[in-house]
Amino acid sequence: METDDETGYSSYSMLCCQADNCTADLTDAKKYHRRHKVCEFHAKAPVVIVAGMQQRFCQQCSKFHELQEFDDMKRSCRQRLAGHNQRRRRNPSEAHGEGSNQRSKADDPSLYPKQERFRSF
């Protein structure tokens, strides 16, 4: 087996899922699944055994957490959902910079000449 001089990793090593006993080869998987070392099935599964413990993959953290960190069947852990919901509830005046909730000058119809409804040809 050869190793890459820069990384020290084997050039022939197979990327595989973190789930216990999963034999999925991630070599041809989507970049997201390769980066987080989780196959598509286990990324969406409600219960996965990882390191001998029942866990679920969090789509916000991109990590496995124990089941008690999730509400019901949600795929995002409580901690990340709380932060997400807090950002969504923020007043537009509290937003950083020009948020997507603010209208730009280009959206102001009074800046454009009034067009007639029908054209005559």
PDB file of N, CA and C in Angstrom:
ATOM      1  N   MET A   1       0.832  -1.182   0.000  1.00  0.00           N
ATOM      2  CA  MET A   1       0.000   0.000   0.000  1.00  0.00           C
ATOM      3  C   MET A   1       0.878   1.248   0.000  1.00  0.00           C
ATOM      4  N   GLU A   2       0.565   2.195  -0.878  1.00  0.00           N
ATOM      5  CA  GLU A   2       1.341   3.425  -0.954  1.00  0.00           C
ATOM      6  C   GLU A   2       0.718   4.489  -0.058  1.00  0.00           C
ATOM      7  N   THR A   3       1.564   5.394   0.441  1.00  0.00           N
ATOM      8  CA  THR A   3       1.037   6.511   1.220  1.00  0.00           C
ATOM      9  C   THR A   3       1.420   7.806   0.535  1.00  0.00           C
ATOM     10  N   ASP A   4       0.553   8.788   0.664  1.00  0.00           N
ATOM     11  CA  ASP A   4       0.777  10.108   0.104  1.00  0.00           C
ATOM     12  C   ASP A   4       1.785  10.814   1.002  1.00  0.00           C
ATOM     13  N   ASP A   5       2.844  11.363   0.422  1.00  0.00           N
ATOM     14  CA  ASP A   5       3.896  12.000   1.212  1.00  0.00           C
ATOM     15  C   ASP A   5       3.389  13.216   1.994  1.00  0.00           C
ATOM     16  N   GLU A   6       2.426  13.969   1.419  1.00  0.00           N
ATOM     17  CA  GLU A   6       1.936  15.172   2.087  1.00  0.00           C
ATOM     18  C   GLU A   6       0.978  14.851   3.227  1.00  0.00           C
ATOM     19  N   THR A   7       0.037  13.938   2.998  1.00  0.00           N
ATOM     20  CA  THR A   7      -1.001  13.686   4.008  1.00  0.00           C
ATOM     21  C   THR A   7      -0.686  12.506   4.896  1.00  0.00           C
ATOM     22  N   GLY A   8       0.081  11.550   4.397  1.00  0.00           N
ATOM     23  CA  GLY A   8       0.366  10.355   5.168  1.00  0.00           C
ATOM     24  C   GLY A   8      -0.720   9.312   5.058  1.00  0.00           C
ATOM     25  N   TYR A   9      -1.806   9.633   4.335  1.00  0.00           N
ATOM     26  CA  TYR A   9      -2.903   8.695   4.173  1.00  0.00           C
ATOM     27  C   TYR A   9      -2.639   7.771   2.996  1.00  0.00           C
ATOM     28  N   SER A  10      -3.174   6.600   3.084  1.00  0.00           N
ATOM     29  CA  SER A  10      -3.041   5.632   2.014  1.00  0.00           C
ATOM     30  C   SER A  10      -3.827   6.090   0.803  1.00  0.00           C
ATOM     31  N   SER A  11      -3.255   5.974  -0.373  1.00  0.00           N
ATOM     32  CA  SER A  11      -3.961   6.358  -1.586  1.00  0.00           C
ATOM     33  C   SER A  11      -4.983   5.302  -1.973  1.00  0.00           C
ATOM     34  N   TYR A  12      -4.952   4.148  -1.342  1.00  0.00           N
ATOM     35  CA  TYR A  12      -5.877   3.074  -1.657  1.00  0.00           C
ATOM     36  C   TYR A  12      -6.933   2.869  -0.583  1.00  0.00           C
ATOM     37  N   SER A  13      -6.929   3.672   0.465  1.00  0.00           N
ATOM     38  CA  SER A  13      -7.887   3.455   1.548  1.00  0.00           C
ATOM     39  C   SER A  13      -9.301   3.762   1.064  1.00  0.00           C
ATOM     40  N   MET A  14     -10.246   2.949   1.518  1.00  0.00           N
ATOM     41  CA  MET A  14     -11.634   3.108   1.120  1.00  0.00           C
ATOM     42  C   MET A  14     -12.342   4.012   2.127  1.00  0.00           C
ATOM     43  N   LEU A  15     -13.091   4.982   1.615  1.00  0.00           N
ATOM     44  CA  LEU A  15     -13.911   5.817   2.478  1.00  0.00           C
ATOM     45  C   LEU A  15     -15.141   5.012   2.855  1.00  0.00           C
ATOM     46  N   CYS A  16     -15.432   4.944   4.143  1.00  0.00           N
ATOM     47  CA  CYS A  16     -16.610   4.190   4.561  1.00  0.00           C
ATOM     48  C   CYS A  16     -17.377   4.964   5.616  1.00  0.00           C
ATOM     49  N   CYS A  17     -18.621   4.572   5.786  1.00  0.00           N
ATOM     50  CA  CYS A  17     -19.559   5.207   6.711  1.00  0.00           C
ATOM     51  C   CYS A  17     -19.140   4.944   8.161  1.00  0.00           C
ATOM     52  N   GLN A  18     -19.452   5.906   9.049  1.00  0.00           N
ATOM     53  CA  GLN A  18     -19.127   5.786  10.473  1.00  0.00           C
ATOM     54  C   GLN A  18     -20.020   4.802  11.213  1.00  0.00           C
ATOM     55  N   ALA A  19     -21.186   4.483  10.638  1.00  0.00           N
ATOM     56  CA  ALA A  19     -22.137   3.601  11.315  1.00  0.00           C
ATOM     57  C   ALA A  19     -21.521   2.217  11.502  1.00  0.00           C
ATOM     58  N   ASP A  20     -21.765   1.628  12.663  1.00  0.00           N
ATOM     59  CA  ASP A  20     -21.246   0.288  12.949  1.00  0.00           C
ATOM     60  C   ASP A  20     -21.762  -0.701  11.910  1.00  0.00           C
ATOM     61  N   ASN A  21     -20.883  -1.558  11.434  1.00  0.00           N
ATOM     62  CA  ASN A  21     -21.193  -2.632  10.487  1.00  0.00           C
ATOM     63  C   ASN A  21     -21.702  -2.153   9.134  1.00  0.00           C
ATOM     64  N   CYS A  22     -21.533  -0.888   8.797  1.00  0.00           N
ATOM     65  CA  CYS A  22     -21.946  -0.390   7.483  1.00  0.00           C
ATOM     66  C   CYS A  22     -20.806  -0.642   6.502  1.00  0.00           C
ATOM     67  N   THR A  23     -21.137  -1.245   5.398  1.00  0.00           N
ATOM     68  CA  THR A  23     -20.124  -1.583   4.406  1.00  0.00           C
ATOM     69  C   THR A  23     -20.202  -0.677   3.177  1.00  0.00           C
ATOM     70  N   ALA A  24     -20.942   0.418   3.274  1.00  0.00           N
ATOM     71  CA  ALA A  24     -21.098   1.322   2.130  1.00  0.00           C
ATOM     72  C   ALA A  24     -19.754   1.935   1.749  1.00  0.00           C
ATOM     73  N   ASP A  25     -19.439   1.866   0.476  1.00  0.00           N
ATOM     74  CA  ASP A  25     -18.228   2.477  -0.062  1.00  0.00           C
ATOM     75  C   ASP A  25     -18.578   3.892  -0.490  1.00  0.00           C
ATOM     76  N   LEU A  26     -17.950   4.895   0.104  1.00  0.00           N
ATOM     77  CA  LEU A  26     -18.265   6.287  -0.178  1.00  0.00           C
ATOM     78  C   LEU A  26     -17.406   6.892  -1.280  1.00  0.00           C
ATOM     79  N   THR A  27     -16.621   6.074  -1.938  1.00  0.00           N
ATOM     80  CA  THR A  27     -15.718   6.567  -2.978  1.00  0.00           C
ATOM     81  C   THR A  27     -16.461   7.343  -4.051  1.00  0.00           C
ATOM     82  N   ASP A  28     -17.608   6.835  -4.481  1.00  0.00           N
ATOM     83  CA  ASP A  28     -18.381   7.496  -5.533  1.00  0.00           C
ATOM     84  C   ASP A  28     -19.595   8.244  -4.988  1.00  0.00           C
ATOM     85  N   ALA A  29     -19.669   8.426  -3.681  1.00  0.00           N
ATOM     86  CA  ALA A  29     -20.804   9.128  -3.061  1.00  0.00           C
ATOM     87  C   ALA A  29     -20.668  10.633  -3.285  1.00  0.00           C
ATOM     88  N   LYS A  30     -21.737  11.356  -2.965  1.00  0.00           N
ATOM     89  CA  LYS A  30     -21.706  12.811  -3.059  1.00  0.00           C
ATOM     90  C   LYS A  30     -20.630  13.357  -2.132  1.00  0.00           C
ATOM     91  N   LYS A  31     -20.105  14.521  -2.504  1.00  0.00           N
ATOM     92  CA  LYS A  31     -19.019  15.144  -1.734  1.00  0.00           C
ATOM     93  C   LYS A  31     -19.403  15.326  -0.259  1.00  0.00           C
ATOM     94  N   TYR A  32     -20.653  15.733   0.003  1.00  0.00           N
ATOM     95  CA  TYR A  32     -21.124  15.932   1.370  1.00  0.00           C
ATOM     96  C   TYR A  32     -20.964  14.654   2.188  1.00  0.00           C
ATOM     97  N   HIS A  33     -21.405  13.523   1.630  1.00  0.00           N
ATOM     98  CA  HIS A  33     -21.341  12.249   2.346  1.00  0.00           C
ATOM     99  C   HIS A  33     -19.895  11.792   2.554  1.00  0.00           C
ATOM    100  N   ARG A  34     -19.044  12.043   1.584  1.00  0.00           N
ATOM    101  CA  ARG A  34     -17.620  11.695   1.747  1.00  0.00           C
ATOM    102  C   ARG A  34     -16.984  12.551   2.834  1.00  0.00           C
ATOM    103  N   ARG A  35     -17.273  13.856   2.816  1.00  0.00           N
ATOM    104  CA  ARG A  35     -16.671  14.776   3.777  1.00  0.00           C
ATOM    105  C   ARG A  35     -17.044  14.411   5.215  1.00  0.00           C
ATOM    106  N   HIS A  36     -18.298  14.004   5.428  1.00  0.00           N
ATOM    107  CA  HIS A  36     -18.757  13.711   6.785  1.00  0.00           C
ATOM    108  C   HIS A  36     -18.734  12.225   7.112  1.00  0.00           C
ATOM    109  N   LYS A  37     -18.257  11.424   6.178  1.00  0.00           N
ATOM    110  CA  LYS A  37     -18.108   9.979   6.364  1.00  0.00           C
ATOM    111  C   LYS A  37     -19.395   9.329   6.844  1.00  0.00           C
ATOM    112  N   VAL A  38     -20.468   9.588   6.100  1.00  0.00           N
ATOM    113  CA  VAL A  38     -21.765   8.980   6.396  1.00  0.00           C
ATOM    114  C   VAL A  38     -22.451   8.677   5.065  1.00  0.00           C
ATOM    115  N   CYS A  39     -22.979   7.464   4.929  1.00  0.00           N
ATOM    116  CA  CYS A  39     -23.681   7.109   3.696  1.00  0.00           C
ATOM    117  C   CYS A  39     -25.052   7.789   3.696  1.00  0.00           C
ATOM    118  N   GLU A  40     -25.670   7.867   2.525  1.00  0.00           N
ATOM    119  CA  GLU A  40     -26.956   8.546   2.404  1.00  0.00           C
ATOM    120  C   GLU A  40     -28.016   7.892   3.290  1.00  0.00           C
ATOM    121  N   PHE A  41     -28.027   6.578   3.364  1.00  0.00           N
ATOM    122  CA  PHE A  41     -29.005   5.862   4.186  1.00  0.00           C
ATOM    123  C   PHE A  41     -28.882   6.254   5.654  1.00  0.00           C
ATOM    124  N   HIS A  42     -27.664   6.204   6.207  1.00  0.00           N
ATOM    125  CA  HIS A  42     -27.478   6.499   7.633  1.00  0.00           C
ATOM    126  C   HIS A  42     -27.590   8.001   7.942  1.00  0.00           C
ATOM    127  N   ALA A  43     -27.379   8.872   6.947  1.00  0.00           N
ATOM    128  CA  ALA A  43     -27.557  10.308   7.161  1.00  0.00           C
ATOM    129  C   ALA A  43     -29.027  10.633   7.419  1.00  0.00           C
ATOM    130  N   LYS A  44     -29.932   9.796   6.894  1.00  0.00           N
ATOM    131  CA  LYS A  44     -31.368  10.051   7.022  1.00  0.00           C
ATOM    132  C   LYS A  44     -32.061   9.096   7.986  1.00  0.00           C
ATOM    133  N   ALA A  45     -31.351   8.116   8.491  1.00  0.00           N
ATOM    134  CA  ALA A  45     -31.961   7.109   9.358  1.00  0.00           C
ATOM    135  C   ALA A  45     -32.305   7.701  10.725  1.00  0.00           C
ATOM    136  N   PRO A  46     -33.448   7.315  11.304  1.00  0.00           N
ATOM    137  CA  PRO A  46     -33.830   7.850  12.617  1.00  0.00           C
ATOM    138  C   PRO A  46     -32.965   7.313  13.762  1.00  0.00           C
ATOM    139  N   VAL A  47     -32.414   6.104  13.608  1.00  0.00           N
ATOM    140  CA  VAL A  47     -31.552   5.515  14.640  1.00  0.00           C
ATOM    141  C   VAL A  47     -30.394   4.803  13.942  1.00  0.00           C
ATOM    142  N   VAL A  48     -29.181   5.107  14.377  1.00  0.00           N
ATOM    143  CA  VAL A  48     -27.973   4.497  13.822  1.00  0.00           C
ATOM    144  C   VAL A  48     -27.091   4.083  14.999  1.00  0.00           C
ATOM    145  N   ILE A  49     -26.478   2.930  14.914  1.00  0.00           N
ATOM    146  CA  ILE A  49     -25.532   2.509  15.949  1.00  0.00           C
ATOM    147  C   ILE A  49     -24.142   2.981  15.526  1.00  0.00           C
ATOM    148  N   VAL A  50     -23.573   3.886  16.329  1.00  0.00           N
ATOM    149  CA  VAL A  50     -22.224   4.400  16.090  1.00  0.00           C
ATOM    150  C   VAL A  50     -21.468   4.249  17.402  1.00  0.00           C
ATOM    151  N   ALA A  51     -20.333   3.607  17.346  1.00  0.00           N
ATOM    152  CA  ALA A  51     -19.525   3.349  18.547  1.00  0.00           C
ATOM    153  C   ALA A  51     -20.350   2.629  19.613  1.00  0.00           C
ATOM    154  N   GLY A  52     -21.242   1.750  19.158  1.00  0.00           N
ATOM    155  CA  GLY A  52     -22.042   0.953  20.075  1.00  0.00           C
ATOM    156  C   GLY A  52     -23.203   1.683  20.732  1.00  0.00           C
ATOM    157  N   MET A  53     -23.452   2.936  20.331  1.00  0.00           N
ATOM    158  CA  MET A  53     -24.533   3.726  20.940  1.00  0.00           C
ATOM    159  C   MET A  53     -25.560   4.116  19.890  1.00  0.00           C
ATOM    160  N   GLN A  54     -26.833   4.218  20.310  1.00  0.00           N
ATOM    161  CA  GLN A  54     -27.881   4.666  19.403  1.00  0.00           C
ATOM    162  C   GLN A  54     -27.753   6.171  19.201  1.00  0.00           C
ATOM    163  N   GLN A  55     -27.607   6.566  17.933  1.00  0.00           N
ATOM    164  CA  GLN A  55     -27.410   7.974  17.606  1.00  0.00           C
ATOM    165  C   GLN A  55     -28.204   8.334  16.362  1.00  0.00           C
ATOM    166  N   ARG A  56     -28.183   9.624  16.026  1.00  0.00           N
ATOM    167  CA  ARG A  56     -28.806  10.124  14.803  1.00  0.00           C
ATOM    168  C   ARG A  56     -27.884  11.180  14.226  1.00  0.00           C
ATOM    169  N   PHE A  57     -27.834  11.267  12.897  1.00  0.00           N
ATOM    170  CA  PHE A  57     -27.001  12.252  12.224  1.00  0.00           C
ATOM    171  C   PHE A  57     -27.738  13.587  12.194  1.00  0.00           C
ATOM    172  N   CYS A  58     -27.112  14.637  12.702  1.00  0.00           N
ATOM    173  CA  CYS A  58     -27.702  15.975  12.736  1.00  0.00           C
ATOM    174  C   CYS A  58     -27.383  16.695  11.427  1.00  0.00           C
ATOM    175  N   GLN A  59     -28.414  17.128  10.710  1.00  0.00           N
ATOM    176  CA  GLN A  59     -28.181  17.788   9.432  1.00  0.00           C
ATOM    177  C   GLN A  59     -27.652  19.207   9.596  1.00  0.00           C
ATOM    178  N   GLN A  60     -27.750  19.780  10.790  1.00  0.00           N
ATOM    179  CA  GLN A  60     -27.200  21.104  11.034  1.00  0.00           C
ATOM    180  C   GLN A  60     -25.717  21.034  11.424  1.00  0.00           C
ATOM    181  N   CYS A  61     -25.394  20.131  12.323  1.00  0.00           N
ATOM    182  CA  CYS A  61     -24.016  19.989  12.818  1.00  0.00           C
ATOM    183  C   CYS A  61     -23.166  19.103  11.909  1.00  0.00           C
ATOM    184  N   SER A  62     -23.826  18.253  11.121  1.00  0.00           N
ATOM    185  CA  SER A  62     -23.148  17.247  10.300  1.00  0.00           C
ATOM    186  C   SER A  62     -22.338  16.290  11.169  1.00  0.00           C
ATOM    187  N   LYS A  63     -22.920  15.930  12.322  1.00  0.00           N
ATOM    188  CA  LYS A  63     -22.294  14.983  13.238  1.00  0.00           C
ATOM    189  C   LYS A  63     -23.376  14.082  13.818  1.00  0.00           C
ATOM    190  N   PHE A  64     -22.937  12.944  14.349  1.00  0.00           N
ATOM    191  CA  PHE A  64     -23.851  12.066  15.058  1.00  0.00           C
ATOM    192  C   PHE A  64     -23.973  12.534  16.509  1.00  0.00           C
ATOM    193  N   HIS A  65     -25.223  12.536  17.022  1.00  0.00           N
ATOM    194  CA  HIS A  65     -25.495  12.857  18.413  1.00  0.00           C
ATOM    195  C   HIS A  65     -26.339  11.733  19.000  1.00  0.00           C
ATOM    196  N   GLU A  66     -26.341  11.629  20.321  1.00  0.00           N
ATOM    197  CA  GLU A  66     -27.215  10.668  20.986  1.00  0.00           C
ATOM    198  C   GLU A  66     -28.670  11.082  20.772  1.00  0.00           C
ATOM    199  N   LEU A  67     -29.567  10.104  20.779  1.00  0.00           N
ATOM    200  CA  LEU A  67     -30.973  10.349  20.456  1.00  0.00           C
ATOM    201  C   LEU A  67     -31.646  11.373  21.361  1.00  0.00           C
ATOM    202  N   GLN A  68     -31.248  11.445  22.637  1.00  0.00           N
ATOM    203  CA  GLN A  68     -31.914  12.373  23.554  1.00  0.00           C
ATOM    204  C   GLN A  68     -31.651  13.838  23.202  1.00  0.00           C
ATOM    205  N   GLU A  69     -30.723  14.107  22.291  1.00  0.00           N
ATOM    206  CA  GLU A  69     -30.447  15.485  21.878  1.00  0.00           C
ATOM    207  C   GLU A  69     -31.395  15.975  20.786  1.00  0.00           C
ATOM    208  N   PHE A  70     -32.316  15.111  20.355  1.00  0.00           N
ATOM    209  CA  PHE A  70     -33.268  15.443  19.297  1.00  0.00           C
ATOM    210  C   PHE A  70     -34.688  15.454  19.850  1.00  0.00           C
ATOM    211  N   ASP A  71     -35.548  16.268  19.271  1.00  0.00           N
ATOM    212  CA  ASP A  71     -36.978  16.250  19.585  1.00  0.00           C
ATOM    213  C   ASP A  71     -37.669  15.329  18.590  1.00  0.00           C
ATOM    214  N   ASP A  72     -38.428  14.390  19.097  1.00  0.00           N
ATOM    215  CA  ASP A  72     -39.212  13.471  18.263  1.00  0.00           C
ATOM    216  C   ASP A  72     -38.356  12.879  17.139  1.00  0.00           C
ATOM    217  N   MET A  73     -38.801  13.054  15.909  1.00  0.00           N
ATOM    218  CA  MET A  73     -38.089  12.481  14.760  1.00  0.00           C
ATOM    219  C   MET A  73     -37.302  13.533  13.987  1.00  0.00           C
ATOM    220  N   LYS A  74     -37.095  14.697  14.565  1.00  0.00           N
ATOM    221  CA  LYS A  74     -36.376  15.768  13.863  1.00  0.00           C
ATOM    222  C   LYS A  74     -34.952  15.343  13.552  1.00  0.00           C
ATOM    223  N   ARG A  75     -34.404  15.902  12.476  1.00  0.00           N
ATOM    224  CA  ARG A  75     -33.039  15.563  12.053  1.00  0.00           C
ATOM    225  C   ARG A  75     -32.012  16.599  12.480  1.00  0.00           C
ATOM    226  N   SER A  76     -32.440  17.612  13.214  1.00  0.00           N
ATOM    227  CA  SER A  76     -31.519  18.617  13.742  1.00  0.00           C
ATOM    228  C   SER A  76     -31.594  18.581  15.264  1.00  0.00           C
ATOM    229  N   CYS A  77     -30.444  18.659  15.917  1.00  0.00           N
ATOM    230  CA  CYS A  77     -30.419  18.597  17.381  1.00  0.00           C
ATOM    231  C   CYS A  77     -31.053  19.849  17.977  1.00  0.00           C
ATOM    232  N   ARG A  78     -31.505  19.736  19.222  1.00  0.00           N
ATOM    233  CA  ARG A  78     -32.174  20.834  19.903  1.00  0.00           C
ATOM    234  C   ARG A  78     -31.318  22.101  19.954  1.00  0.00           C
ATOM    235  N   GLN A  79     -30.045  21.939  20.222  1.00  0.00           N
ATOM    236  CA  GLN A  79     -29.149  23.099  20.370  1.00  0.00           C
ATOM    237  C   GLN A  79     -29.086  23.907  19.070  1.00  0.00           C
ATOM    238  N   ARG A  80     -28.908  23.223  17.944  1.00  0.00           N
ATOM    239  CA  ARG A  80     -28.836  23.937  16.665  1.00  0.00           C
ATOM    240  C   ARG A  80     -30.184  24.495  16.254  1.00  0.00           C
ATOM    241  N   LEU A  81     -31.267  23.773  16.540  1.00  0.00           N
ATOM    242  CA  LEU A  81     -32.603  24.285  16.220  1.00  0.00           C
ATOM    243  C   LEU A  81     -32.911  25.541  17.022  1.00  0.00           C
ATOM    244  N   ALA A  82     -32.481  25.582  18.276  1.00  0.00           N
ATOM    245  CA  ALA A  82     -32.712  26.765  19.114  1.00  0.00           C
ATOM    246  C   ALA A  82     -32.025  27.986  18.511  1.00  0.00           C
ATOM    247  N   GLY A  83     -30.782  27.821  18.081  1.00  0.00           N
ATOM    248  CA  GLY A  83     -30.060  28.926  17.445  1.00  0.00           C
ATOM    249  C   GLY A  83     -30.710  29.353  16.147  1.00  0.00           C
ATOM    250  N   HIS A  84     -31.156  28.386  15.355  1.00  0.00           N
ATOM    251  CA  HIS A  84     -31.824  28.671  14.083  1.00  0.00           C
ATOM    252  C   HIS A  84     -33.111  29.451  14.327  1.00  0.00           C
ATOM    253  N   ASN A  85     -33.925  28.987  15.286  1.00  0.00           N
ATOM    254  CA  ASN A  85     -35.187  29.661  15.587  1.00  0.00           C
ATOM    255  C   ASN A  85     -34.966  31.064  16.152  1.00  0.00           C
ATOM    256  N   GLN A  86     -33.931  31.233  16.946  1.00  0.00           N
ATOM    257  CA  GLN A  86     -33.621  32.556  17.497  1.00  0.00           C
ATOM    258  C   GLN A  86     -33.259  33.526  16.369  1.00  0.00           C
ATOM    259  N   ARG A  87     -32.478  33.077  15.406  1.00  0.00           N
ATOM    260  CA  ARG A  87     -32.118  33.935  14.271  1.00  0.00           C
ATOM    261  C   ARG A  87     -33.352  34.299  13.444  1.00  0.00           C
ATOM    262  N   ARG A  88     -34.278  33.362  13.295  1.00  0.00           N
ATOM    263  CA  ARG A  88     -35.486  33.621  12.509  1.00  0.00           C
ATOM    264  C   ARG A  88     -36.410  34.608  13.204  1.00  0.00           C
ATOM    265  N   ARG A  89     -36.423  34.618  14.533  1.00  0.00           N
ATOM    266  CA  ARG A  89     -37.315  35.495  15.289  1.00  0.00           C
ATOM    267  C   ARG A  89     -36.755  36.901  15.472  1.00  0.00           C
ATOM    268  N   ARG A  90     -35.508  37.095  15.138  1.00  0.00           N
ATOM    269  CA  ARG A  90     -34.850  38.389  15.322  1.00  0.00           C
ATOM    270  C   ARG A  90     -35.582  39.474  14.526  1.00  0.00           C
ATOM    271  N   ASN A  91     -35.727  40.682  15.118  1.00  0.00           N
ATOM    272  CA  ASN A  91     -36.346  41.808  14.421  1.00  0.00           C
ATOM    273  C   ASN A  91     -35.460  42.239  13.264  1.00  0.00           C
ATOM    274  N   PRO A  92     -36.056  42.743  12.173  1.00  0.00           N
ATOM    275  CA  PRO A  92     -35.236  43.214  11.036  1.00  0.00           C
ATOM    276  C   PRO A  92     -34.235  44.288  11.441  1.00  0.00           C
ATOM    277  N   SER A  93     -34.573  45.109  12.448  1.00  0.00           N
ATOM    278  CA  SER A  93     -33.648  46.153  12.888  1.00  0.00           C
ATOM    279  C   SER A  93     -32.422  45.572  13.579  1.00  0.00           C
ATOM    280  N   GLU A  94     -32.542  44.338  14.092  1.00  0.00           N
ATOM    281  CA  GLU A  94     -31.420  43.686  14.762  1.00  0.00           C
ATOM    282  C   GLU A  94     -30.534  42.932  13.783  1.00  0.00           C
ATOM    283  N   ALA A  95     -30.993  42.756  12.563  1.00  0.00           N
ATOM    284  CA  ALA A  95     -30.244  41.976  11.579  1.00  0.00           C
ATOM    285  C   ALA A  95     -28.942  42.688  11.230  1.00  0.00           C
ATOM    286  N   HIS A  96     -27.955  41.919  10.888  1.00  0.00           N
ATOM    287  CA  HIS A  96     -26.661  42.483  10.505  1.00  0.00           C
ATOM    288  C   HIS A  96     -26.719  42.935   9.057  1.00  0.00           C
ATOM    289  N   GLY A  97     -26.310  44.162   8.791  1.00  0.00           N
ATOM    290  CA  GLY A  97     -26.260  44.659   7.419  1.00  0.00           C
ATOM    291  C   GLY A  97     -27.644  44.753   6.808  1.00  0.00           C
ATOM    292  N   GLU A  98     -27.687  44.705   5.485  1.00  0.00           N
ATOM    293  CA  GLU A  98     -28.951  44.754   4.777  1.00  0.00           C
ATOM    294  C   GLU A  98     -29.456  43.343   4.604  1.00  0.00           C
ATOM    295  N   GLY A  99     -30.422  42.967   5.400  1.00  0.00           N
ATOM    296  CA  GLY A  99     -30.966  41.614   5.348  1.00  0.00           C
ATOM    297  C   GLY A  99     -31.894  41.420   4.174  1.00  0.00           C
ATOM    298  N   SER A 100     -32.284  40.184   3.969  1.00  0.00           N
ATOM    299  CA  SER A 100     -33.165  39.868   2.856  1.00  0.00           C
ATOM    300  C   SER A 100     -34.579  40.382   3.101  1.00  0.00           C
ATOM    301  N   ASN A 101     -34.903  40.774   4.339  1.00  0.00           N
ATOM    302  CA  ASN A 101     -36.234  41.283   4.642  1.00  0.00           C
ATOM    303  C   ASN A 101     -36.393  42.746   4.242  1.00  0.00           C
ATOM    304  N   GLN A 102     -35.293  43.422   3.991  1.00  0.00           N
ATOM    305  CA  GLN A 102     -35.362  44.830   3.642  1.00  0.00           C
ATOM    306  C   GLN A 102     -35.481  44.976   2.131  1.00  0.00           C
ATOM    307  N   ARG A 103     -36.313  45.945   1.716  1.00  0.00           N
ATOM    308  CA  ARG A 103     -36.496  46.180   0.290  1.00  0.00           C
ATOM    309  C   ARG A 103     -35.417  47.125  -0.209  1.00  0.00           C
ATOM    310  N   SER A 104     -34.978  46.922  -1.426  1.00  0.00           N
ATOM    311  CA  SER A 104     -33.986  47.813  -2.002  1.00  0.00           C
ATOM    312  C   SER A 104     -34.695  48.924  -2.760  1.00  0.00           C
ATOM    313  N   LYS A 105     -33.957  49.957  -3.150  1.00  0.00           N
ATOM    314  CA  LYS A 105     -34.533  51.061  -3.916  1.00  0.00           C
ATOM    315  C   LYS A 105     -35.060  50.578  -5.258  1.00  0.00           C
ATOM    316  N   ALA A 106     -34.462  49.546  -5.808  1.00  0.00           N
ATOM    317  CA  ALA A 106     -34.897  49.023  -7.108  1.00  0.00           C
ATOM    318  C   ALA A 106     -36.294  48.429  -7.027  1.00  0.00           C
ATOM    319  N   ASP A 107     -36.752  48.059  -5.824  1.00  0.00           N
ATOM    320  CA  ASP A 107     -38.088  47.490  -5.655  1.00  0.00           C
ATOM    321  C   ASP A 107     -39.175  48.568  -5.564  1.00  0.00           C
ATOM    322  N   ASP A 108     -38.791  49.834  -5.499  1.00  0.00           N
ATOM    323  CA  ASP A 108     -39.754  50.915  -5.330  1.00  0.00           C
ATOM    324  C   ASP A 108     -40.393  51.250  -6.675  1.00  0.00           C
ATOM    325  N   PRO A 109     -41.695  50.973  -6.859  1.00  0.00           N
ATOM    326  CA  PRO A 109     -42.347  51.220  -8.154  1.00  0.00           C
ATOM    327  C   PRO A 109     -42.451  52.703  -8.497  1.00  0.00           C
ATOM    328  N   SER A 110     -42.358  53.598  -7.515  1.00  0.00           N
ATOM    329  CA  SER A 110     -42.473  55.032  -7.800  1.00  0.00           C
ATOM    330  C   SER A 110     -41.256  55.567  -8.563  1.00  0.00           C
ATOM    331  N   LEU A 111     -40.190  54.799  -8.627  1.00  0.00           N
ATOM    332  CA  LEU A 111     -38.986  55.243  -9.332  1.00  0.00           C
ATOM    333  C   LEU A 111     -39.069  55.012 -10.844  1.00  0.00           C
ATOM    334  N   TYR A 112     -40.061  54.291 -11.297  1.00  0.00           N
ATOM    335  CA  TYR A 112     -40.176  53.948 -12.714  1.00  0.00           C
ATOM    336  C   TYR A 112     -41.356  54.689 -13.333  1.00  0.00           C
ATOM    337  N   PRO A 113     -41.222  55.081 -14.598  1.00  0.00           N
ATOM    338  CA  PRO A 113     -42.347  55.774 -15.246  1.00  0.00           C
ATOM    339  C   PRO A 113     -43.543  54.826 -15.374  1.00  0.00           C
ATOM    340  N   LYS A 114     -44.725  55.413 -15.276  1.00  0.00           N
ATOM    341  CA  LYS A 114     -45.947  54.621 -15.352  1.00  0.00           C
ATOM    342  C   LYS A 114     -46.137  54.156 -16.796  1.00  0.00           C
ATOM    343  N   GLN A 115     -46.383  52.876 -16.954  1.00  0.00           N
ATOM    344  CA  GLN A 115     -46.578  52.332 -18.292  1.00  0.00           C
ATOM    345  C   GLN A 115     -48.057  52.147 -18.551  1.00  0.00           C
ATOM    346  N   GLU A 116     -48.425  52.336 -19.800  1.00  0.00           N
ATOM    347  CA  GLU A 116     -49.823  52.137 -20.168  1.00  0.00           C
ATOM    348  C   GLU A 116     -50.101  50.640 -20.171  1.00  0.00           C
ATOM    349  N   ARG A 117     -51.352  50.347 -19.949  1.00  0.00           N
ATOM    350  CA  ARG A 117     -51.748  48.948 -19.841  1.00  0.00           C
ATOM    351  C   ARG A 117     -51.703  48.234 -21.174  1.00  0.00           C
ATOM    352  N   PHE A 118     -52.117  48.886 -22.231  1.00  0.00           N
ATOM    353  CA  PHE A 118     -52.117  48.258 -23.561  1.00  0.00           C
ATOM    354  C   PHE A 118     -51.321  49.115 -24.517  1.00  0.00           C
ATOM    355  N   ARG A 119     -50.628  48.484 -25.377  1.00  0.00           N
ATOM    356  CA  ARG A 119     -49.874  49.224 -26.408  1.00  0.00           C
ATOM    357  C   ARG A 119     -50.632  49.134 -27.721  1.00  0.00           C
ATOM    358  N   SER A 120     -50.550  50.183 -28.485  1.00  0.00           N
ATOM    359  CA  SER A 120     -51.149  50.131 -29.819  1.00  0.00           C
ATOM    360  C   SER A 120     -50.036  49.915 -30.827  1.00  0.00           C
ATOM    361  N   PHE A 121     -50.262  49.069 -31.766  1.00  0.00           N
ATOM    362  CA  PHE A 121     -49.230  48.760 -32.772  1.00  0.00           C
ATOM    363  C   PHE A 121     -49.616  49.276 -34.119  1.00  0.00           C
TER     364      PHE A 121
END
